[in-house]
Amino acid sequence: MRALGLLELARQRTVAPAPGFHAPVDIAVVTERGRLEFTRLSRDERSGDWDLRRTEPYTFGGQETIVEARV
């Protein structure tokens, strides 16, 4: 999911009630691109043909728009 740009890592400092060293924790954060993809998948899941489509291989729905240069 990170390779597709859907998630990124963020370092979160831990706040513990006890004194001493508490190592920071890396957490996954959903990117805007990831939020849009999860919204698309959620919408697909509610579609009438979901029972047929859910067994198909996953394809990322957020392909970048290709802008053709005009010469």
C-alpha atoms as a PDB file:
ATOM      1  CA  MET A   1       0.000   0.000   0.000  1.00  0.00           C
ATOM      2  CA  ARG A   2       2.949   2.299   0.598  1.00  0.00           C
ATOM      3  CA  ALA A   3       4.260   1.573  -2.890  1.00  0.00           C
ATOM      4  CA  LEU A   4       0.932   2.729  -4.355  1.00  0.00           C
ATOM      5  CA  GLY A   5       1.020   5.903  -2.284  1.00  0.00           C
ATOM      6  CA  LEU A   6      -2.020   4.920  -0.220  1.00  0.00           C
ATOM      7  CA  LEU A   7      -0.199   4.928   3.125  1.00  0.00           C
ATOM      8  CA  GLU A   8       2.799   6.709   4.569  1.00  0.00           C
ATOM      9  CA  LEU A   9       4.647   6.267   7.835  1.00  0.00           C
ATOM     10  CA  ALA A  10       4.641   8.872  10.548  1.00  0.00           C
ATOM     11  CA  ARG A  11       6.681   8.828  13.733  1.00  0.00           C
ATOM     12  CA  GLN A  12       4.501   9.141  16.820  1.00  0.00           C
ATOM     13  CA  ARG A  13       6.063   9.976  20.130  1.00  0.00           C
ATOM     14  CA  THR A  14       4.754   7.902  22.977  1.00  0.00           C
ATOM     15  CA  VAL A  15       3.507   9.610  26.079  1.00  0.00           C
ATOM     16  CA  ALA A  16       3.702   7.188  28.948  1.00  0.00           C
ATOM     17  CA  PRO A  17       2.521   7.796  32.495  1.00  0.00           C
ATOM     18  CA  ALA A  18       5.732   6.281  33.898  1.00  0.00           C
ATOM     19  CA  PRO A  19       9.142   7.995  33.867  1.00  0.00           C
ATOM     20  CA  GLY A  20      11.939   6.674  31.676  1.00  0.00           C
ATOM     21  CA  PHE A  21      12.646   6.139  28.024  1.00  0.00           C
ATOM     22  CA  HIS A  22       9.727   5.305  25.758  1.00  0.00           C
ATOM     23  CA  ALA A  23      10.659   4.633  22.149  1.00  0.00           C
ATOM     24  CA  PRO A  24       8.726   6.431  19.431  1.00  0.00           C
ATOM     25  CA  VAL A  25       6.386   4.320  17.325  1.00  0.00           C
ATOM     26  CA  ASP A  26       5.971   4.383  13.541  1.00  0.00           C
ATOM     27  CA  ILE A  27       2.311   4.384  12.538  1.00  0.00           C
ATOM     28  CA  ALA A  28       0.637   4.088   9.134  1.00  0.00           C
ATOM     29  CA  VAL A  29      -1.289   7.149   7.999  1.00  0.00           C
ATOM     30  CA  VAL A  30      -3.760   7.035   5.120  1.00  0.00           C
ATOM     31  CA  THR A  31      -2.889   9.579   2.422  1.00  0.00           C
ATOM     32  CA  GLU A  32      -5.451  11.574   0.439  1.00  0.00           C
ATOM     33  CA  ARG A  33      -4.889   9.180  -2.443  1.00  0.00           C
ATOM     34  CA  GLY A  34      -5.541   6.271  -0.076  1.00  0.00           C
ATOM     35  CA  ARG A  35      -8.709   7.875   1.248  1.00  0.00           C
ATOM     36  CA  LEU A  36     -10.016   8.230  -2.307  1.00  0.00           C
ATOM     37  CA  GLU A  37      -9.179   4.599  -3.097  1.00  0.00           C
ATOM     38  CA  PHE A  38     -10.897   3.333   0.068  1.00  0.00           C
ATOM     39  CA  THR A  39     -13.962   5.429  -0.833  1.00  0.00           C
ATOM     40  CA  ARG A  40     -13.983   3.881  -4.318  1.00  0.00           C
ATOM     41  CA  LEU A  41     -13.704   0.353  -2.909  1.00  0.00           C
ATOM     42  CA  SER A  42     -16.480   1.043  -0.414  1.00  0.00           C
ATOM     43  CA  ARG A  43     -18.716   2.306  -3.228  1.00  0.00           C
ATOM     44  CA  ASP A  44     -17.871  -0.778  -5.332  1.00  0.00           C
ATOM     45  CA  GLU A  45     -18.742  -3.029  -2.404  1.00  0.00           C
ATOM     46  CA  ARG A  46     -22.267  -1.591  -2.333  1.00  0.00           C
ATOM     47  CA  SER A  47     -22.823  -2.091  -6.078  1.00  0.00           C
ATOM     48  CA  GLY A  48     -25.243  -4.720  -7.365  1.00  0.00           C
ATOM     49  CA  ASP A  49     -22.570  -6.804  -9.088  1.00  0.00           C
ATOM     50  CA  TRP A  50     -20.199  -6.936  -6.104  1.00  0.00           C
ATOM     51  CA  ASP A  51     -20.655 -10.701  -5.654  1.00  0.00           C
ATOM     52  CA  LEU A  52     -19.204 -11.239  -9.131  1.00  0.00           C
ATOM     53  CA  ARG A  53     -16.501  -8.558  -8.949  1.00  0.00           C
ATOM     54  CA  ARG A  54     -15.072  -9.338  -5.505  1.00  0.00           C
ATOM     55  CA  THR A  55     -13.313 -12.472  -6.723  1.00  0.00           C
ATOM     56  CA  GLU A  56     -11.492 -10.590  -9.507  1.00  0.00           C
ATOM     57  CA  PRO A  57      -7.847  -9.593  -8.962  1.00  0.00           C
ATOM     58  CA  TYR A  58      -7.410  -6.177  -7.337  1.00  0.00           C
ATOM     59  CA  THR A  59      -6.712  -3.294  -9.674  1.00  0.00           C
ATOM     60  CA  PHE A  60      -5.802   0.116  -8.369  1.00  0.00           C
ATOM     61  CA  GLY A  61      -8.492   2.592  -9.382  1.00  0.00           C
ATOM     62  CA  GLY A  62      -6.454   5.759  -9.021  1.00  0.00           C
ATOM     63  CA  GLN A  63      -4.452   5.713 -12.216  1.00  0.00           C
ATOM     64  CA  GLU A  64      -2.901   9.063 -12.854  1.00  0.00           C
ATOM     65  CA  THR A  65      -4.375  11.056 -15.688  1.00  0.00           C
ATOM     66  CA  ILE A  66      -1.972  11.088 -18.577  1.00  0.00           C
ATOM     67  CA  VAL A  67      -1.675  14.481 -20.160  1.00  0.00           C
ATOM     68  CA  GLU A  68      -0.565  14.331 -23.759  1.00  0.00           C
ATOM     69  CA  ALA A  69       1.742  17.066 -24.907  1.00  0.00           C
ATOM     70  CA  ARG A  70       0.519  18.796 -28.018  1.00  0.00           C
ATOM     71  CA  VAL A  71       3.163  19.542 -30.584  1.00  0.00           C
END
